[in-house]
């Protein structure tokens, strides 16, 4: 269980951040982010991640739960770190 899930102790919260059902492609065991990553260059995907992280940071607490929005931003930030330096994570 990751740190966010440990802090929240709420499986629904973890699913909403790390495995949202509404982003699964019907009949496939992949999410839309997998298709996006496969179709973009590494630099384009990094830009997409930066934009999504910024989106969730700016809206934190305004639409969904603030912690959930911050956790979602963290997912994109961790993706950026992994792309830039895969051995650090």
PDB file of N, CA and C in Angstrom:
ATOM      1  N   UNK A   1       0.848  -1.179   0.000  1.00  0.00           N
ATOM      2  CA  UNK A   1       0.000   0.000   0.000  1.00  0.00           C
ATOM      3  C   UNK A   1       0.891   1.238   0.000  1.00  0.00           C
ATOM      4  N   UNK A   2       0.584   2.210  -0.868  1.00  0.00           N
ATOM      5  CA  UNK A   2       1.421   3.389  -0.920  1.00  0.00           C
ATOM      6  C   UNK A   2       1.133   4.345   0.229  1.00  0.00           C
ATOM      7  N   UNK A   3       1.960   5.352   0.362  1.00  0.00           N
ATOM      8  CA  UNK A   3       1.879   6.290   1.494  1.00  0.00           C
ATOM      9  C   UNK A   3       0.543   7.029   1.536  1.00  0.00           C
ATOM     10  N   UNK A   4       0.031   7.444   0.384  1.00  0.00           N
ATOM     11  CA  UNK A   4      -1.254   8.148   0.360  1.00  0.00           C
ATOM     12  C   UNK A   4      -2.346   7.239   0.891  1.00  0.00           C
ATOM     13  N   UNK A   5      -2.351   5.974   0.452  1.00  0.00           N
ATOM     14  CA  UNK A   5      -3.358   5.030   0.913  1.00  0.00           C
ATOM     15  C   UNK A   5      -3.211   4.781   2.406  1.00  0.00           C
ATOM     16  N   UNK A   6      -1.974   4.696   2.891  1.00  0.00           N
ATOM     17  CA  UNK A   6      -1.760   4.499   4.320  1.00  0.00           C
ATOM     18  C   UNK A   6      -2.319   5.668   5.110  1.00  0.00           C
ATOM     19  N   UNK A   7      -2.110   6.882   4.603  1.00  0.00           N
ATOM     20  CA  UNK A   7      -2.585   8.069   5.309  1.00  0.00           C
ATOM     21  C   UNK A   7      -4.113   8.133   5.308  1.00  0.00           C
ATOM     22  N   UNK A   8      -4.725   7.802   4.199  1.00  0.00           N
ATOM     23  CA  UNK A   8      -6.180   7.914   4.086  1.00  0.00           C
ATOM     24  C   UNK A   8      -6.909   6.703   4.660  1.00  0.00           C
ATOM     25  N   UNK A   9      -6.265   5.515   4.620  1.00  0.00           N
ATOM     26  CA  UNK A   9      -6.905   4.278   5.076  1.00  0.00           C
ATOM     27  C   UNK A   9      -8.267   4.106   4.409  1.00  0.00           C
ATOM     28  N   UNK A  10      -8.325   4.429   3.135  1.00  0.00           N
ATOM     29  CA  UNK A  10      -9.589   4.413   2.416  1.00  0.00           C
ATOM     30  C   UNK A  10      -9.359   3.876   1.011  1.00  0.00           C
ATOM     31  N   UNK A  11      -9.798   2.664   0.758  1.00  0.00           N
ATOM     32  CA  UNK A  11      -9.576   2.026  -0.539  1.00  0.00           C
ATOM     33  C   UNK A  11     -10.231   2.819  -1.666  1.00  0.00           C
ATOM     34  N   UNK A  12     -11.410   3.360  -1.447  1.00  0.00           N
ATOM     35  CA  UNK A  12     -12.057   4.140  -2.495  1.00  0.00           C
ATOM     36  C   UNK A  12     -11.184   5.323  -2.884  1.00  0.00           C
ATOM     37  N   UNK A  13     -10.583   5.971  -1.910  1.00  0.00           N
ATOM     38  CA  UNK A  13      -9.698   7.099  -2.186  1.00  0.00           C
ATOM     39  C   UNK A  13      -8.512   6.641  -3.023  1.00  0.00           C
ATOM     40  N   UNK A  14      -7.929   5.512  -2.686  1.00  0.00           N
ATOM     41  CA  UNK A  14      -6.778   5.000  -3.430  1.00  0.00           C
ATOM     42  C   UNK A  14      -7.178   4.643  -4.850  1.00  0.00           C
ATOM     43  N   UNK A  15      -8.321   4.017  -5.020  1.00  0.00           N
ATOM     44  CA  UNK A  15      -8.785   3.668  -6.352  1.00  0.00           C
ATOM     45  C   UNK A  15      -9.032   4.915  -7.187  1.00  0.00           C
ATOM     46  N   UNK A  16      -9.583   5.949  -6.579  1.00  0.00           N
ATOM     47  CA  UNK A  16      -9.871   7.181  -7.293  1.00  0.00           C
ATOM     48  C   UNK A  16      -8.593   7.881  -7.739  1.00  0.00           C
ATOM     49  N   UNK A  17      -7.505   7.658  -7.039  1.00  0.00           N
ATOM     50  CA  UNK A  17      -6.239   8.290  -7.376  1.00  0.00           C
ATOM     51  C   UNK A  17      -5.398   7.414  -8.284  1.00  0.00           C
ATOM     52  N   UNK A  18      -5.267   6.140  -7.960  1.00  0.00           N
ATOM     53  CA  UNK A  18      -4.331   5.271  -8.656  1.00  0.00           C
ATOM     54  C   UNK A  18      -4.955   4.320  -9.661  1.00  0.00           C
ATOM     55  N   UNK A  19      -6.239   4.087  -9.586  1.00  0.00           N
ATOM     56  CA  UNK A  19      -6.865   3.122 -10.478  1.00  0.00           C
ATOM     57  C   UNK A  19      -8.335   3.484 -10.713  1.00  0.00           C
ATOM     58  N   UNK A  20      -8.593   4.689 -11.229  1.00  0.00           N
ATOM     59  CA  UNK A  20      -9.983   5.102 -11.416  1.00  0.00           C
ATOM     60  C   UNK A  20     -10.700   4.270 -12.473  1.00  0.00           C
ATOM     61  N   UNK A  21     -11.827   3.696 -12.109  1.00  0.00           N
ATOM     62  CA  UNK A  21     -12.563   2.818 -13.025  1.00  0.00           C
ATOM     63  C   UNK A  21     -13.022   3.545 -14.281  1.00  0.00           C
ATOM     64  N   UNK A  22     -13.327   4.831 -14.165  1.00  0.00           N
ATOM     65  CA  UNK A  22     -13.859   5.560 -15.315  1.00  0.00           C
ATOM     66  C   UNK A  22     -12.803   5.833 -16.387  1.00  0.00           C
ATOM     67  N   UNK A  23     -11.538   5.530 -16.119  1.00  0.00           N
ATOM     68  CA  UNK A  23     -10.494   5.677 -17.132  1.00  0.00           C
ATOM     69  C   UNK A  23     -10.080   4.351 -17.755  1.00  0.00           C
ATOM     70  N   UNK A  24     -10.664   3.248 -17.306  1.00  0.00           N
ATOM     71  CA  UNK A  24     -10.388   1.944 -17.917  1.00  0.00           C
ATOM     72  C   UNK A  24     -11.086   1.878 -19.266  1.00  0.00           C
ATOM     73  N   UNK A  25     -10.391   1.345 -20.248  1.00  0.00           N
ATOM     74  CA  UNK A  25     -10.997   1.183 -21.561  1.00  0.00           C
ATOM     75  C   UNK A  25     -11.811  -0.100 -21.576  1.00  0.00           C
ATOM     76  N   UNK A  26     -13.038   0.008 -22.041  1.00  0.00           N
ATOM     77  CA  UNK A  26     -13.965  -1.122 -22.035  1.00  0.00           C
ATOM     78  C   UNK A  26     -13.380  -2.318 -22.779  1.00  0.00           C
ATOM     79  N   UNK A  27     -13.403  -3.455 -22.100  1.00  0.00           N
ATOM     80  CA  UNK A  27     -12.936  -4.694 -22.695  1.00  0.00           C
ATOM     81  C   UNK A  27     -11.425  -4.877 -22.670  1.00  0.00           C
ATOM     82  N   UNK A  28     -10.713  -3.876 -22.187  1.00  0.00           N
ATOM     83  CA  UNK A  28      -9.253  -3.952 -22.130  1.00  0.00           C
ATOM     84  C   UNK A  28      -8.793  -3.733 -20.696  1.00  0.00           C
ATOM     85  N   UNK A  29      -7.642  -4.247 -20.371  1.00  0.00           N
ATOM     86  CA  UNK A  29      -7.108  -4.054 -19.027  1.00  0.00           C
ATOM     87  C   UNK A  29      -6.081  -2.923 -19.017  1.00  0.00           C
ATOM     88  N   UNK A  30      -6.418  -1.819 -19.694  1.00  0.00           N
ATOM     89  CA  UNK A  30      -5.536  -0.655 -19.711  1.00  0.00           C
ATOM     90  C   UNK A  30      -6.361   0.598 -19.463  1.00  0.00           C
ATOM     91  N   UNK A  31      -5.663   1.651 -19.081  1.00  0.00           N
ATOM     92  CA  UNK A  31      -6.309   2.937 -18.868  1.00  0.00           C
ATOM     93  C   UNK A  31      -5.986   3.853 -20.040  1.00  0.00           C
ATOM     94  N   UNK A  32      -6.754   4.909 -20.165  1.00  0.00           N
ATOM     95  CA  UNK A  32      -6.524   5.854 -21.258  1.00  0.00           C
ATOM     96  C   UNK A  32      -5.108   6.432 -21.197  1.00  0.00           C
ATOM     97  N   UNK A  33      -4.539   6.590 -20.003  1.00  0.00           N
ATOM     98  CA  UNK A  33      -3.174   7.118 -19.875  1.00  0.00           C
ATOM     99  C   UNK A  33      -2.171   6.203 -20.583  1.00  0.00           C
ATOM    100  N   UNK A  34      -2.435   4.907 -20.616  1.00  0.00           N
ATOM    101  CA  UNK A  34      -1.543   3.979 -21.305  1.00  0.00           C
ATOM    102  C   UNK A  34      -1.530   4.249 -22.815  1.00  0.00           C
ATOM    103  N   UNK A  35      -2.692   4.557 -23.365  1.00  0.00           N
ATOM    104  CA  UNK A  35      -2.791   4.874 -24.789  1.00  0.00           C
ATOM    105  C   UNK A  35      -2.116   6.218 -25.055  1.00  0.00           C
ATOM    106  N   UNK A  36      -2.361   7.188 -24.172  1.00  0.00           N
ATOM    107  CA  UNK A  36      -1.741   8.507 -24.333  1.00  0.00           C
ATOM    108  C   UNK A  36      -0.219   8.379 -24.317  1.00  0.00           C
ATOM    109  N   UNK A  37       0.301   7.641 -23.350  1.00  0.00           N
ATOM    110  CA  UNK A  37       1.757   7.477 -23.254  1.00  0.00           C
ATOM    111  C   UNK A  37       2.326   6.781 -24.490  1.00  0.00           C
ATOM    112  N   UNK A  38       1.607   5.814 -25.009  1.00  0.00           N
ATOM    113  CA  UNK A  38       2.087   5.068 -26.177  1.00  0.00           C
ATOM    114  C   UNK A  38       2.092   5.920 -27.444  1.00  0.00           C
ATOM    115  N   UNK A  39       1.232   6.924 -27.513  1.00  0.00           N
ATOM    116  CA  UNK A  39       1.119   7.719 -28.741  1.00  0.00           C
ATOM    117  C   UNK A  39       1.934   9.001 -28.716  1.00  0.00           C
ATOM    118  N   UNK A  40       2.379   9.435 -27.535  1.00  0.00           N
ATOM    119  CA  UNK A  40       3.165  10.659 -27.436  1.00  0.00           C
ATOM    120  C   UNK A  40       4.654  10.340 -27.361  1.00  0.00           C
ATOM    121  N   UNK A  41       5.469  11.309 -27.758  1.00  0.00           N
ATOM    122  CA  UNK A  41       6.904  11.166 -27.535  1.00  0.00           C
ATOM    123  C   UNK A  41       7.144  11.327 -26.032  1.00  0.00           C
ATOM    124  N   UNK A  42       8.350  11.007 -25.588  1.00  0.00           N
ATOM    125  CA  UNK A  42       8.672  11.155 -24.168  1.00  0.00           C
ATOM    126  C   UNK A  42       8.503  12.606 -23.718  1.00  0.00           C
ATOM    127  N   UNK A  43       8.973  13.552 -24.525  1.00  0.00           N
ATOM    128  CA  UNK A  43       8.847  14.972 -24.163  1.00  0.00           C
ATOM    129  C   UNK A  43       7.387  15.416 -24.139  1.00  0.00           C
ATOM    130  N   UNK A  44       6.598  14.956 -25.102  1.00  0.00           N
ATOM    131  CA  UNK A  44       5.168  15.297 -25.113  1.00  0.00           C
ATOM    132  C   UNK A  44       4.474  14.728 -23.884  1.00  0.00           C
ATOM    133  N   UNK A  45       4.814  13.487 -23.535  1.00  0.00           N
ATOM    134  CA  UNK A  45       4.189  12.868 -22.367  1.00  0.00           C
ATOM    135  C   UNK A  45       4.587  13.597 -21.089  1.00  0.00           C
ATOM    136  N   UNK A  46       5.845  14.024 -20.989  1.00  0.00           N
ATOM    137  CA  UNK A  46       6.271  14.795 -19.822  1.00  0.00           C
ATOM    138  C   UNK A  46       5.466  16.092 -19.730  1.00  0.00           C
ATOM    139  N   UNK A  47       5.245  16.753 -20.854  1.00  0.00           N
ATOM    140  CA  UNK A  47       4.435  17.974 -20.860  1.00  0.00           C
ATOM    141  C   UNK A  47       3.007  17.699 -20.429  1.00  0.00           C
ATOM    142  N   UNK A  48       2.467  16.585 -20.882  1.00  0.00           N
ATOM    143  CA  UNK A  48       1.110  16.198 -20.491  1.00  0.00           C
ATOM    144  C   UNK A  48       1.035  15.959 -18.983  1.00  0.00           C
ATOM    145  N   UNK A  49       2.050  15.289 -18.442  1.00  0.00           N
ATOM    146  CA  UNK A  49       2.094  15.034 -16.996  1.00  0.00           C
ATOM    147  C   UNK A  49       2.205  16.340 -16.215  1.00  0.00           C
ATOM    148  N   UNK A  50       3.047  17.251 -16.683  1.00  0.00           N
ATOM    149  CA  UNK A  50       3.200  18.545 -16.009  1.00  0.00           C
ATOM    150  C   UNK A  50       1.875  19.308 -16.004  1.00  0.00           C
ATOM    151  N   UNK A  51       1.190  19.287 -17.133  1.00  0.00           N
ATOM    152  CA  UNK A  51      -0.097  19.975 -17.220  1.00  0.00           C
ATOM    153  C   UNK A  51      -1.130  19.379 -16.284  1.00  0.00           C
ATOM    154  N   UNK A  52      -1.180  18.065 -16.213  1.00  0.00           N
ATOM    155  CA  UNK A  52      -2.137  17.420 -15.314  1.00  0.00           C
ATOM    156  C   UNK A  52      -1.792  17.658 -13.853  1.00  0.00           C
ATOM    157  N   UNK A  53      -0.506  17.622 -13.511  1.00  0.00           N
ATOM    158  CA  UNK A  53      -0.097  17.907 -12.130  1.00  0.00           C
ATOM    159  C   UNK A  53      -0.514  19.324 -11.759  1.00  0.00           C
ATOM    160  N   UNK A  54      -0.260  20.267 -12.633  1.00  0.00           N
ATOM    161  CA  UNK A  54      -0.631  21.658 -12.375  1.00  0.00           C
ATOM    162  C   UNK A  54      -2.147  21.803 -12.219  1.00  0.00           C
ATOM    163  N   UNK A  55      -2.894  21.131 -13.080  1.00  0.00           N
ATOM    164  CA  UNK A  55      -4.358  21.180 -13.000  1.00  0.00           C
ATOM    165  C   UNK A  55      -4.841  20.762 -11.617  1.00  0.00           C
ATOM    166  N   UNK A  56      -4.341  19.620 -11.130  1.00  0.00           N
ATOM    167  CA  UNK A  56      -4.788  19.119  -9.832  1.00  0.00           C
ATOM    168  C   UNK A  56      -4.295  19.989  -8.676  1.00  0.00           C
ATOM    169  N   UNK A  57      -3.108  20.560  -8.797  1.00  0.00           N
ATOM    170  CA  UNK A  57      -2.617  21.455  -7.748  1.00  0.00           C
ATOM    171  C   UNK A  57      -3.462  22.725  -7.676  1.00  0.00           C
ATOM    172  N   UNK A  58      -3.816  23.276  -8.826  1.00  0.00           N
ATOM    173  CA  UNK A  58      -4.591  24.511  -8.856  1.00  0.00           C
ATOM    174  C   UNK A  58      -6.033  24.326  -8.398  1.00  0.00           C
ATOM    175  N   UNK A  59      -6.586  23.157  -8.627  1.00  0.00           N
ATOM    176  CA  UNK A  59      -7.980  22.940  -8.228  1.00  0.00           C
ATOM    177  C   UNK A  59      -8.123  22.266  -6.861  1.00  0.00           C
ATOM    178  N   UNK A  60      -7.013  21.961  -6.218  1.00  0.00           N
ATOM    179  CA  UNK A  60      -7.026  21.215  -4.950  1.00  0.00           C
ATOM    180  C   UNK A  60      -8.041  21.807  -3.975  1.00  0.00           C
ATOM    181  N   UNK A  61      -8.990  20.957  -3.597  1.00  0.00           N
ATOM    182  CA  UNK A  61     -10.009  21.338  -2.634  1.00  0.00           C
ATOM    183  C   UNK A  61     -11.193  22.089  -3.201  1.00  0.00           C
ATOM    184  N   UNK A  62     -11.184  22.378  -4.485  1.00  0.00           N
ATOM    185  CA  UNK A  62     -12.282  23.140  -5.083  1.00  0.00           C
ATOM    186  C   UNK A  62     -13.328  22.254  -5.735  1.00  0.00           C
ATOM    187  N   UNK A  63     -12.925  21.095  -6.249  1.00  0.00           N
ATOM    188  CA  UNK A  63     -13.867  20.192  -6.898  1.00  0.00           C
ATOM    189  C   UNK A  63     -14.033  18.924  -6.066  1.00  0.00           C
ATOM    190  N   UNK A  64     -12.940  18.230  -5.847  1.00  0.00           N
ATOM    191  CA  UNK A  64     -12.962  17.014  -5.036  1.00  0.00           C
ATOM    192  C   UNK A  64     -12.278  17.309  -3.709  1.00  0.00           C
ATOM    193  N   UNK A  65     -12.092  16.284  -2.930  1.00  0.00           N
ATOM    194  CA  UNK A  65     -11.366  16.386  -1.676  1.00  0.00           C
ATOM    195  C   UNK A  65      -9.950  16.908  -1.945  1.00  0.00           C
ATOM    196  N   UNK A  66      -9.477  17.834  -1.139  1.00  0.00           N
ATOM    197  CA  UNK A  66      -8.163  18.437  -1.354  1.00  0.00           C
ATOM    198  C   UNK A  66      -7.043  17.400  -1.365  1.00  0.00           C
ATOM    199  N   UNK A  67      -7.077  16.466  -0.426  1.00  0.00           N
ATOM    200  CA  UNK A  67      -6.039  15.434  -0.356  1.00  0.00           C
ATOM    201  C   UNK A  67      -6.067  14.570  -1.606  1.00  0.00           C
ATOM    202  N   UNK A  68      -7.254  14.263  -2.098  1.00  0.00           N
ATOM    203  CA  UNK A  68      -7.360  13.454  -3.319  1.00  0.00           C
ATOM    204  C   UNK A  68      -6.745  14.205  -4.498  1.00  0.00           C
ATOM    205  N   UNK A  69      -7.025  15.493  -4.616  1.00  0.00           N
ATOM    206  CA  UNK A  69      -6.445  16.275  -5.711  1.00  0.00           C
ATOM    207  C   UNK A  69      -4.925  16.353  -5.594  1.00  0.00           C
ATOM    208  N   UNK A  70      -4.421  16.545  -4.393  1.00  0.00           N
ATOM    209  CA  UNK A  70      -2.968  16.589  -4.193  1.00  0.00           C
ATOM    210  C   UNK A  70      -2.333  15.241  -4.517  1.00  0.00           C
ATOM    211  N   UNK A  71      -3.008  14.164  -4.144  1.00  0.00           N
ATOM    212  CA  UNK A  71      -2.501  12.825  -4.453  1.00  0.00           C
ATOM    213  C   UNK A  71      -2.483  12.591  -5.961  1.00  0.00           C
ATOM    214  N   UNK A  72      -3.522  13.056  -6.657  1.00  0.00           N
ATOM    215  CA  UNK A  72      -3.555  12.907  -8.116  1.00  0.00           C
ATOM    216  C   UNK A  72      -2.403  13.693  -8.748  1.00  0.00           C
ATOM    217  N   UNK A  73      -2.147  14.902  -8.255  1.00  0.00           N
ATOM    218  CA  UNK A  73      -1.003  15.678  -8.753  1.00  0.00           C
ATOM    219  C   UNK A  73       0.281  14.898  -8.509  1.00  0.00           C
ATOM    220  N   UNK A  74       0.370  14.261  -7.348  1.00  0.00           N
ATOM    221  CA  UNK A  74       1.554  13.482  -7.004  1.00  0.00           C
ATOM    222  C   UNK A  74       1.793  12.324  -7.953  1.00  0.00           C
ATOM    223  N   UNK A  75       0.732  11.710  -8.439  1.00  0.00           N
ATOM    224  CA  UNK A  75       0.873  10.607  -9.398  1.00  0.00           C
ATOM    225  C   UNK A  75       1.589  11.106 -10.655  1.00  0.00           C
ATOM    226  N   UNK A  76       1.196  12.275 -11.132  1.00  0.00           N
ATOM    227  CA  UNK A  76       1.821  12.822 -12.339  1.00  0.00           C
ATOM    228  C   UNK A  76       3.248  13.283 -12.067  1.00  0.00           C
ATOM    229  N   UNK A  77       3.498  13.831 -10.890  1.00  0.00           N
ATOM    230  CA  UNK A  77       4.846  14.246 -10.528  1.00  0.00           C
ATOM    231  C   UNK A  77       5.762  13.034 -10.424  1.00  0.00           C
ATOM    232  N   UNK A  78       5.275  11.961  -9.808  1.00  0.00           N
ATOM    233  CA  UNK A  78       6.071  10.731  -9.730  1.00  0.00           C
ATOM    234  C   UNK A  78       6.339  10.143 -11.114  1.00  0.00           C
ATOM    235  N   UNK A  79       5.372  10.252 -12.014  1.00  0.00           N
ATOM    236  CA  UNK A  79       5.592   9.796 -13.388  1.00  0.00           C
ATOM    237  C   UNK A  79       6.722  10.586 -14.032  1.00  0.00           C
ATOM    238  N   UNK A  80       6.738  11.900 -13.812  1.00  0.00           N
ATOM    239  CA  UNK A  80       7.806  12.736 -14.355  1.00  0.00           C
ATOM    240  C   UNK A  80       9.169  12.338 -13.803  1.00  0.00           C
ATOM    241  N   UNK A  81       9.220  12.082 -12.507  1.00  0.00           N
ATOM    242  CA  UNK A  81      10.479  11.674 -11.886  1.00  0.00           C
ATOM    243  C   UNK A  81      10.930  10.351 -12.468  1.00  0.00           C
ATOM    244  N   UNK A  82       9.999   9.424 -12.610  1.00  0.00           N
ATOM    245  CA  UNK A  82      10.340   8.092 -13.144  1.00  0.00           C
ATOM    246  C   UNK A  82      10.847   8.184 -14.581  1.00  0.00           C
ATOM    247  N   UNK A  83      10.245   9.038 -15.378  1.00  0.00           N
ATOM    248  CA  UNK A  83      10.680   9.213 -16.771  1.00  0.00           C
ATOM    249  C   UNK A  83      12.081   9.831 -16.794  1.00  0.00           C
ATOM    250  N   UNK A  84      12.298  10.834 -15.957  1.00  0.00           N
ATOM    251  CA  UNK A  84      13.569  11.558 -15.951  1.00  0.00           C
ATOM    252  C   UNK A  84      14.705  10.730 -15.355  1.00  0.00           C
ATOM    253  N   UNK A  85      14.415  10.028 -14.260  1.00  0.00           N
ATOM    254  CA  UNK A  85      15.441   9.231 -13.589  1.00  0.00           C
ATOM    255  C   UNK A  85      14.812   7.950 -13.065  1.00  0.00           C
ATOM    256  N   UNK A  86      14.623   6.955 -13.936  1.00  0.00           N
ATOM    257  CA  UNK A  86      13.912   5.735 -13.554  1.00  0.00           C
ATOM    258  C   UNK A  86      14.523   4.980 -12.383  1.00  0.00           C
ATOM    259  N   UNK A  87      15.804   5.158 -12.125  1.00  0.00           N
ATOM    260  CA  UNK A  87      16.431   4.420 -11.037  1.00  0.00           C
ATOM    261  C   UNK A  87      16.214   5.053  -9.674  1.00  0.00           C
ATOM    262  N   UNK A  88      15.673   6.256  -9.633  1.00  0.00           N
ATOM    263  CA  UNK A  88      15.469   6.947  -8.351  1.00  0.00           C
ATOM    264  C   UNK A  88      14.266   6.426  -7.593  1.00  0.00           C
ATOM    265  N   UNK A  89      13.313   5.826  -8.284  1.00  0.00           N
ATOM    266  CA  UNK A  89      12.092   5.348  -7.613  1.00  0.00           C
ATOM    267  C   UNK A  89      12.084   3.856  -7.514  1.00  0.00           C
TER     268      UNK A  89
END
